Amino acid sequence: QAQLVESGGGLVQAGDSLRLSCAASGRSFSPSAMAWFRQAPGREREFLGVINWGSGSSAYADSVKGRFTISRDNVKNTVYLRMNSLKFEDTAVYYCAARLTRLYSGWDYGVHNEYDYWGQGTQVTVSS
């Protein structure tokens, strides 16, 4: 079992930056990848970015590429999402997710059911 706890959300103004954290705990927690998603009211959960836990390589959705950066601290079992130049449309609940099962060639990291554990979410509200 693993538990993911997000933090760092809040109310910010458009143009501001924010860093979210997701701390993972659990016996022998060793993910293959961790990701960030978000969900705005009335919308589907949206993939933002993923990081390979071993190599540190990352990939992003086109909608946030260049503004959002995902990073990880293997020692602290924590993944971060740095968000710059926030816009009103970034307002959503932000979730981190962990995949514990092995990666495979061509896996679709943008699909939510490819992940095994989820955090409870943290609200980010951007005022215009």
N, C-alpha and C. Protein backbone atom coordinates (compact mmCIF):
# COMPACT_ATOMS: atom_id res chain seq x y z
N GLN A 1 0.83 -1.19 0.00
CA GLN A 1 0.00 0.00 0.00
C GLN A 1 0.87 1.24 0.00
N ALA A 2 0.38 2.29 -0.62
CA ALA A 2 1.08 3.57 -0.64
C ALA A 2 0.08 4.67 -0.36
N GLN A 3 0.57 5.71 0.23
CA GLN A 3 -0.27 6.88 0.49
C GLN A 3 0.41 8.10 -0.09
N LEU A 4 -0.35 8.89 -0.82
CA LEU A 4 0.17 10.11 -1.43
C LEU A 4 -0.56 11.30 -0.84
N VAL A 5 0.20 12.31 -0.44
CA VAL A 5 -0.38 13.50 0.17
C VAL A 5 0.14 14.73 -0.55
N GLU A 6 -0.76 15.45 -1.20
CA GLU A 6 -0.39 16.68 -1.89
C GLU A 6 -0.45 17.86 -0.95
N SER A 7 0.34 18.87 -1.25
CA SER A 7 0.31 20.12 -0.49
C SER A 7 0.81 21.24 -1.39
N GLY A 8 0.59 22.47 -0.94
CA GLY A 8 1.12 23.62 -1.66
C GLY A 8 0.11 24.39 -2.46
N GLY A 9 -1.11 23.90 -2.53
CA GLY A 9 -2.13 24.63 -3.27
C GLY A 9 -2.56 25.89 -2.53
N GLY A 10 -3.35 26.70 -3.22
CA GLY A 10 -3.84 27.92 -2.59
C GLY A 10 -4.40 28.88 -3.60
N LEU A 11 -4.62 30.10 -3.15
CA LEU A 11 -5.15 31.17 -3.99
C LEU A 11 -4.00 32.08 -4.41
N VAL A 12 -3.84 32.24 -5.71
CA VAL A 12 -2.79 33.08 -6.25
C VAL A 12 -3.38 33.98 -7.33
N GLN A 13 -2.60 34.95 -7.75
CA GLN A 13 -3.03 35.83 -8.82
C GLN A 13 -2.45 35.36 -10.15
N ALA A 14 -3.11 35.73 -11.22
CA ALA A 14 -2.60 35.39 -12.55
C ALA A 14 -1.19 35.95 -12.71
N GLY A 15 -0.32 35.10 -13.28
CA GLY A 15 1.08 35.48 -13.45
C GLY A 15 1.98 34.99 -12.34
N ASP A 16 1.40 34.59 -11.22
CA ASP A 16 2.19 34.09 -10.10
C ASP A 16 2.72 32.69 -10.38
N SER A 17 3.60 32.25 -9.48
CA SER A 17 4.13 30.88 -9.53
C SER A 17 3.73 30.15 -8.26
N LEU A 18 3.73 28.83 -8.36
CA LEU A 18 3.36 28.01 -7.22
C LEU A 18 4.08 26.67 -7.37
N ARG A 19 4.47 26.07 -6.25
CA ARG A 19 5.05 24.75 -6.29
C ARG A 19 4.23 23.80 -5.44
N LEU A 20 3.75 22.76 -6.06
CA LEU A 20 3.03 21.71 -5.35
C LEU A 20 3.98 20.58 -4.99
N SER A 21 3.68 19.95 -3.88
CA SER A 21 4.45 18.79 -3.44
C SER A 21 3.53 17.61 -3.26
N CYS A 22 4.08 16.44 -3.44
CA CYS A 22 3.34 15.20 -3.21
C CYS A 22 4.29 14.24 -2.51
N ALA A 23 4.00 14.01 -1.23
CA ALA A 23 4.84 13.13 -0.44
C ALA A 23 4.23 11.73 -0.40
N ALA A 24 5.05 10.76 -0.69
CA ALA A 24 4.59 9.38 -0.73
C ALA A 24 5.12 8.60 0.45
N SER A 25 4.30 7.73 0.97
CA SER A 25 4.72 6.86 2.07
C SER A 25 4.16 5.47 1.84
N GLY A 26 4.76 4.51 2.50
CA GLY A 26 4.33 3.14 2.35
C GLY A 26 5.54 2.22 2.37
N ARG A 27 5.29 1.02 2.74
CA ARG A 27 6.39 0.07 2.87
C ARG A 27 7.05 -0.15 1.52
N SER A 28 8.35 0.09 1.49
CA SER A 28 9.15 -0.16 0.28
C SER A 28 8.57 0.54 -0.94
N PHE A 29 8.16 1.80 -0.74
CA PHE A 29 7.60 2.55 -1.85
C PHE A 29 8.63 2.73 -2.93
N SER A 30 8.35 2.21 -4.10
CA SER A 30 9.30 2.29 -5.21
C SER A 30 8.50 2.37 -6.51
N PRO A 31 8.09 3.57 -6.85
CA PRO A 31 7.29 3.70 -8.06
C PRO A 31 8.13 3.58 -9.31
N SER A 32 7.51 3.28 -10.40
CA SER A 32 8.18 3.33 -11.69
C SER A 32 8.04 4.73 -12.29
N ALA A 33 6.93 5.38 -11.96
CA ALA A 33 6.69 6.74 -12.46
C ALA A 33 5.69 7.43 -11.55
N MET A 34 5.76 8.75 -11.55
CA MET A 34 4.76 9.54 -10.85
C MET A 34 4.31 10.68 -11.76
N ALA A 35 3.09 11.09 -11.58
CA ALA A 35 2.51 12.06 -12.50
C ALA A 35 1.64 13.06 -11.75
N TRP A 36 1.33 14.14 -12.44
CA TRP A 36 0.38 15.13 -11.96
C TRP A 36 -0.77 15.23 -12.97
N PHE A 37 -1.96 15.30 -12.42
CA PHE A 37 -3.18 15.54 -13.17
C PHE A 37 -3.91 16.69 -12.50
N ARG A 38 -4.91 17.20 -13.18
CA ARG A 38 -5.79 18.19 -12.56
C ARG A 38 -7.20 18.00 -13.07
N GLN A 39 -8.13 18.50 -12.28
CA GLN A 39 -9.53 18.41 -12.68
C GLN A 39 -10.24 19.69 -12.27
N ALA A 40 -10.78 20.36 -13.27
CA ALA A 40 -11.59 21.56 -13.03
C ALA A 40 -13.05 21.16 -12.96
N PRO A 41 -13.88 21.96 -12.32
CA PRO A 41 -15.31 21.64 -12.20
C PRO A 41 -15.94 21.40 -13.57
N GLY A 42 -16.65 20.29 -13.69
CA GLY A 42 -17.34 19.98 -14.92
C GLY A 42 -16.47 19.47 -16.04
N ARG A 43 -15.20 19.24 -15.76
CA ARG A 43 -14.29 18.78 -16.79
C ARG A 43 -13.65 17.45 -16.39
N GLU A 44 -13.12 16.75 -17.37
CA GLU A 44 -12.47 15.48 -17.11
C GLU A 44 -11.08 15.72 -16.50
N ARG A 45 -10.59 14.69 -15.84
CA ARG A 45 -9.24 14.78 -15.28
C ARG A 45 -8.24 14.90 -16.42
N GLU A 46 -7.32 15.84 -16.27
CA GLU A 46 -6.40 16.19 -17.34
C GLU A 46 -4.96 15.87 -16.93
N PHE A 47 -4.26 15.16 -17.78
CA PHE A 47 -2.85 14.86 -17.55
C PHE A 47 -2.03 16.12 -17.72
N LEU A 48 -1.04 16.30 -16.82
CA LEU A 48 -0.15 17.45 -16.90
C LEU A 48 1.29 17.04 -17.19
N GLY A 49 1.82 16.10 -16.45
CA GLY A 49 3.21 15.72 -16.62
C GLY A 49 3.52 14.44 -15.88
N VAL A 50 4.58 13.77 -16.30
CA VAL A 50 4.99 12.50 -15.70
C VAL A 50 6.51 12.50 -15.58
N ILE A 51 6.99 11.82 -14.55
CA ILE A 51 8.44 11.68 -14.38
C ILE A 51 8.78 10.22 -14.14
N ASN A 52 9.77 9.73 -14.85
CA ASN A 52 10.28 8.39 -14.63
C ASN A 52 11.08 8.40 -13.34
N TRP A 53 10.65 7.59 -12.38
CA TRP A 53 11.26 7.68 -11.05
C TRP A 53 12.74 7.31 -11.07
N GLY A 54 13.11 6.40 -11.92
CA GLY A 54 14.51 5.98 -11.95
C GLY A 54 15.40 6.94 -12.71
N SER A 55 15.02 7.26 -13.93
CA SER A 55 15.88 8.08 -14.79
C SER A 55 15.69 9.57 -14.56
N GLY A 56 14.52 9.96 -14.08
CA GLY A 56 14.24 11.38 -13.93
C GLY A 56 13.76 12.06 -15.20
N SER A 57 13.63 11.30 -16.27
CA SER A 57 13.12 11.90 -17.51
C SER A 57 11.65 12.23 -17.34
N SER A 58 11.21 13.25 -18.05
CA SER A 58 9.84 13.74 -17.87
C SER A 58 9.19 14.03 -19.21
N ALA A 59 7.89 14.12 -19.17
CA ALA A 59 7.10 14.46 -20.34
C ALA A 59 5.91 15.28 -19.88
N TYR A 60 5.40 16.14 -20.77
CA TYR A 60 4.35 17.08 -20.38
C TYR A 60 3.24 17.12 -21.42
N ALA A 61 2.09 17.54 -20.94
CA ALA A 61 1.01 17.86 -21.85
C ALA A 61 1.35 19.16 -22.58
N ASP A 62 0.90 19.25 -23.81
CA ASP A 62 1.19 20.45 -24.60
C ASP A 62 0.63 21.71 -23.92
N SER A 63 -0.46 21.55 -23.20
CA SER A 63 -1.13 22.71 -22.60
C SER A 63 -0.30 23.38 -21.51
N VAL A 64 0.67 22.65 -20.94
CA VAL A 64 1.46 23.23 -19.86
C VAL A 64 2.95 23.21 -20.14
N LYS A 65 3.34 22.66 -21.27
CA LYS A 65 4.76 22.55 -21.60
C LYS A 65 5.40 23.94 -21.64
N GLY A 66 6.52 24.07 -20.96
CA GLY A 66 7.20 25.36 -20.90
C GLY A 66 6.82 26.19 -19.70
N ARG A 67 5.68 25.91 -19.08
CA ARG A 67 5.25 26.63 -17.88
C ARG A 67 5.36 25.77 -16.62
N PHE A 68 5.10 24.49 -16.77
CA PHE A 68 5.11 23.57 -15.62
C PHE A 68 6.35 22.67 -15.70
N THR A 69 6.92 22.39 -14.54
CA THR A 69 8.08 21.51 -14.45
C THR A 69 7.86 20.51 -13.33
N ILE A 70 8.04 19.25 -13.65
CA ILE A 70 7.92 18.19 -12.65
C ILE A 70 9.32 17.71 -12.26
N SER A 71 9.50 17.48 -10.97
CA SER A 71 10.78 17.00 -10.48
C SER A 71 10.53 16.05 -9.32
N ARG A 72 11.57 15.36 -8.91
CA ARG A 72 11.39 14.41 -7.81
C ARG A 72 12.61 14.38 -6.92
N ASP A 73 12.36 13.97 -5.67
CA ASP A 73 13.41 13.74 -4.69
C ASP A 73 13.27 12.29 -4.25
N ASN A 74 14.15 11.45 -4.74
CA ASN A 74 14.04 10.02 -4.46
C ASN A 74 14.22 9.71 -2.98
N VAL A 75 15.04 10.50 -2.31
CA VAL A 75 15.31 10.25 -0.90
C VAL A 75 14.08 10.57 -0.05
N LYS A 76 13.42 11.66 -0.39
CA LYS A 76 12.23 12.08 0.36
C LYS A 76 10.96 11.44 -0.17
N ASN A 77 11.07 10.68 -1.26
CA ASN A 77 9.87 10.10 -1.89
C ASN A 77 8.84 11.17 -2.17
N THR A 78 9.29 12.24 -2.76
CA THR A 78 8.42 13.39 -3.02
C THR A 78 8.56 13.81 -4.48
N VAL A 79 7.44 14.12 -5.06
CA VAL A 79 7.41 14.67 -6.42
C VAL A 79 6.85 16.08 -6.34
N TYR A 80 7.37 16.94 -7.19
CA TYR A 80 6.99 18.35 -7.17
C TYR A 80 6.43 18.76 -8.53
N LEU A 81 5.62 19.80 -8.50
CA LEU A 81 5.15 20.42 -9.72
C LEU A 81 5.33 21.92 -9.57
N ARG A 82 6.27 22.44 -10.32
CA ARG A 82 6.50 23.87 -10.32
C ARG A 82 5.65 24.47 -11.44
N MET A 83 4.82 25.46 -11.09
CA MET A 83 3.91 26.08 -12.05
C MET A 83 4.23 27.56 -12.14
N ASN A 84 4.58 28.01 -13.31
CA ASN A 84 4.89 29.42 -13.55
C ASN A 84 3.83 30.06 -14.43
N SER A 85 3.80 31.37 -14.38
CA SER A 85 2.88 32.15 -15.24
C SER A 85 1.46 31.59 -15.18
N LEU A 86 0.96 31.42 -13.98
CA LEU A 86 -0.36 30.81 -13.81
C LEU A 86 -1.44 31.66 -14.43
N LYS A 87 -2.43 30.96 -14.99
CA LYS A 87 -3.56 31.60 -15.65
C LYS A 87 -4.84 31.22 -14.92
N PHE A 88 -5.88 32.00 -15.17
CA PHE A 88 -7.17 31.71 -14.55
C PHE A 88 -7.61 30.28 -14.88
N GLU A 89 -7.34 29.86 -16.11
CA GLU A 89 -7.79 28.52 -16.54
C GLU A 89 -6.98 27.39 -15.92
N ASP A 90 -5.96 27.71 -15.13
CA ASP A 90 -5.24 26.69 -14.39
C ASP A 90 -5.95 26.32 -13.08
N THR A 91 -7.01 27.04 -12.78
CA THR A 91 -7.77 26.76 -11.56
C THR A 91 -8.35 25.34 -11.63
N ALA A 92 -8.03 24.54 -10.63
CA ALA A 92 -8.47 23.14 -10.61
C ALA A 92 -8.00 22.49 -9.31
N VAL A 93 -8.45 21.28 -9.11
CA VAL A 93 -7.87 20.43 -8.06
C VAL A 93 -6.74 19.64 -8.72
N TYR A 94 -5.59 19.67 -8.09
CA TYR A 94 -4.41 19.02 -8.64
C TYR A 94 -4.12 17.73 -7.87
N TYR A 95 -3.90 16.67 -8.61
CA TYR A 95 -3.68 15.35 -8.04
C TYR A 95 -2.33 14.80 -8.47
N CYS A 96 -1.68 14.12 -7.55
CA CYS A 96 -0.51 13.35 -7.96
C CYS A 96 -0.91 11.87 -8.00
N ALA A 97 -0.17 11.13 -8.80
CA ALA A 97 -0.46 9.72 -8.99
C ALA A 97 0.85 8.95 -9.09
N ALA A 98 0.81 7.72 -8.62
CA ALA A 98 1.99 6.87 -8.66
C ALA A 98 1.69 5.57 -9.38
N ARG A 99 2.63 5.18 -10.20
CA ARG A 99 2.54 3.89 -10.86
C ARG A 99 3.60 2.99 -10.23
N LEU A 100 3.17 1.90 -9.63
CA LEU A 100 4.12 0.99 -9.02
C LEU A 100 4.46 -0.17 -9.94
N THR A 101 3.61 -0.45 -10.87
CA THR A 101 3.86 -1.56 -11.77
C THR A 101 4.89 -1.16 -12.82
N ARG A 102 5.47 -2.15 -13.42
CA ARG A 102 6.58 -1.93 -14.33
C ARG A 102 6.13 -1.16 -15.57
N LEU A 103 6.99 -0.28 -16.05
CA LEU A 103 6.71 0.41 -17.30
C LEU A 103 6.91 -0.54 -18.47
N TYR A 104 6.23 -0.25 -19.56
CA TYR A 104 6.41 -1.06 -20.76
C TYR A 104 6.51 -0.12 -21.95
N SER A 105 7.10 -0.60 -22.98
CA SER A 105 7.30 0.21 -24.17
C SER A 105 5.97 0.69 -24.72
N GLY A 106 5.86 1.99 -24.89
CA GLY A 106 4.67 2.54 -25.47
C GLY A 106 3.53 2.77 -24.50
N TRP A 107 3.80 2.65 -23.18
CA TRP A 107 2.69 2.84 -22.22
C TRP A 107 2.18 4.27 -22.31
N ASP A 108 0.88 4.39 -22.10
CA ASP A 108 0.23 5.68 -22.26
C ASP A 108 0.19 6.38 -20.91
N TYR A 109 1.21 7.19 -20.65
CA TYR A 109 1.33 7.83 -19.34
C TYR A 109 0.28 8.91 -19.09
N GLY A 110 -0.45 9.27 -20.11
CA GLY A 110 -1.47 10.29 -19.94
C GLY A 110 -2.83 9.75 -19.53
N VAL A 111 -2.93 8.46 -19.39
CA VAL A 111 -4.21 7.82 -19.06
C VAL A 111 -4.26 7.54 -17.57
N HIS A 112 -5.32 7.99 -16.92
CA HIS A 112 -5.33 7.93 -15.46
C HIS A 112 -5.34 6.51 -14.92
N ASN A 113 -5.92 5.56 -15.66
CA ASN A 113 -5.97 4.21 -15.10
C ASN A 113 -4.67 3.44 -15.28
N GLU A 114 -3.61 4.11 -15.77
CA GLU A 114 -2.29 3.51 -15.80
C GLU A 114 -1.58 3.68 -14.45
N TYR A 115 -2.22 4.36 -13.52
CA TYR A 115 -1.60 4.65 -12.22
C TYR A 115 -2.32 3.88 -11.13
N ASP A 116 -1.53 3.51 -10.12
CA ASP A 116 -2.04 2.62 -9.08
C ASP A 116 -2.54 3.35 -7.85
N TYR A 117 -1.96 4.49 -7.55
CA TYR A 117 -2.35 5.23 -6.34
C TYR A 117 -2.50 6.71 -6.67
N TRP A 118 -3.42 7.33 -5.91
CA TRP A 118 -3.71 8.74 -6.10
C TRP A 118 -3.74 9.44 -4.75
N GLY A 119 -3.36 10.72 -4.80
CA GLY A 119 -3.54 11.55 -3.63
C GLY A 119 -4.96 12.09 -3.56
N GLN A 120 -5.22 12.84 -2.50
CA GLN A 120 -6.58 13.36 -2.29
C GLN A 120 -6.81 14.67 -3.03
N GLY A 121 -5.74 15.26 -3.54
CA GLY A 121 -5.88 16.49 -4.31
C GLY A 121 -5.63 17.74 -3.49
N THR A 122 -5.17 18.78 -4.16
CA THR A 122 -4.99 20.09 -3.53
C THR A 122 -5.54 21.15 -4.48
N GLN A 123 -6.29 22.08 -3.93
CA GLN A 123 -6.97 23.09 -4.75
C GLN A 123 -6.01 24.22 -5.10
N VAL A 124 -6.00 24.56 -6.38
CA VAL A 124 -5.28 25.73 -6.85
C VAL A 124 -6.30 26.66 -7.50
N THR A 125 -6.37 27.87 -7.01
CA THR A 125 -7.29 28.86 -7.54
C THR A 125 -6.48 30.06 -8.00
N VAL A 126 -6.66 30.42 -9.27
CA VAL A 126 -5.94 31.55 -9.85
C VAL A 126 -6.94 32.65 -10.13
N SER A 127 -6.74 33.78 -9.50
CA SER A 127 -7.65 34.91 -9.72
C SER A 127 -7.13 35.74 -10.89
N SER A 128 -8.06 36.20 -11.70
CA SER A 128 -7.68 36.95 -12.91
C SER A 128 -7.54 38.43 -12.60
